[in-house]
Amino acid sequence: MIFGAHVVVYSKDATADRAFLRDALGLASVDAGHGWLIFALPPSEVAVHPAEQNNRHELYFMCTDLNAEISGLKEKGAHCSEVHEERWGSIVNIQLPGGGHIGLYQPKHPTAFSEAPPPHSS
């Protein structure tokens, strides 16, 4: 049974990017040993897009108010690109300290999950 997904982001400065995910994005994490942090992600979905070649992957976080998220990130020292409008959403790229980037967007399309957290079961 598949119970989750594990996303890998490669970086020239993994320590700085881990600190960014923890401090700027506020993601909770566990230490897998020796300071190797593994972060919890919000509910996720996966899409398959046509491409000229395989093995190209991208990471986008989703939000309900892009402008508010950009403001909060800038207060924490993050650098965001200008907002780019697509038919499927409003998007920015966030520069990671290690030199890479991740996407953040406010979708205009239906999502594959409910934004409300699932009910707590005991």
Foldseek 3Di string as FASTA:
>chain_A
DDDDDADDDDFPCVVQQVCCCCPLVVFDWDQPPPNDTGTDDDDDDDDDDDDPDPDDDAAEAEDQDVVVSVVSNVVVVWDWDDWDDDPQWTKIWIAGPRGDTHMYTYTPDDDPDDPDDDDDDD
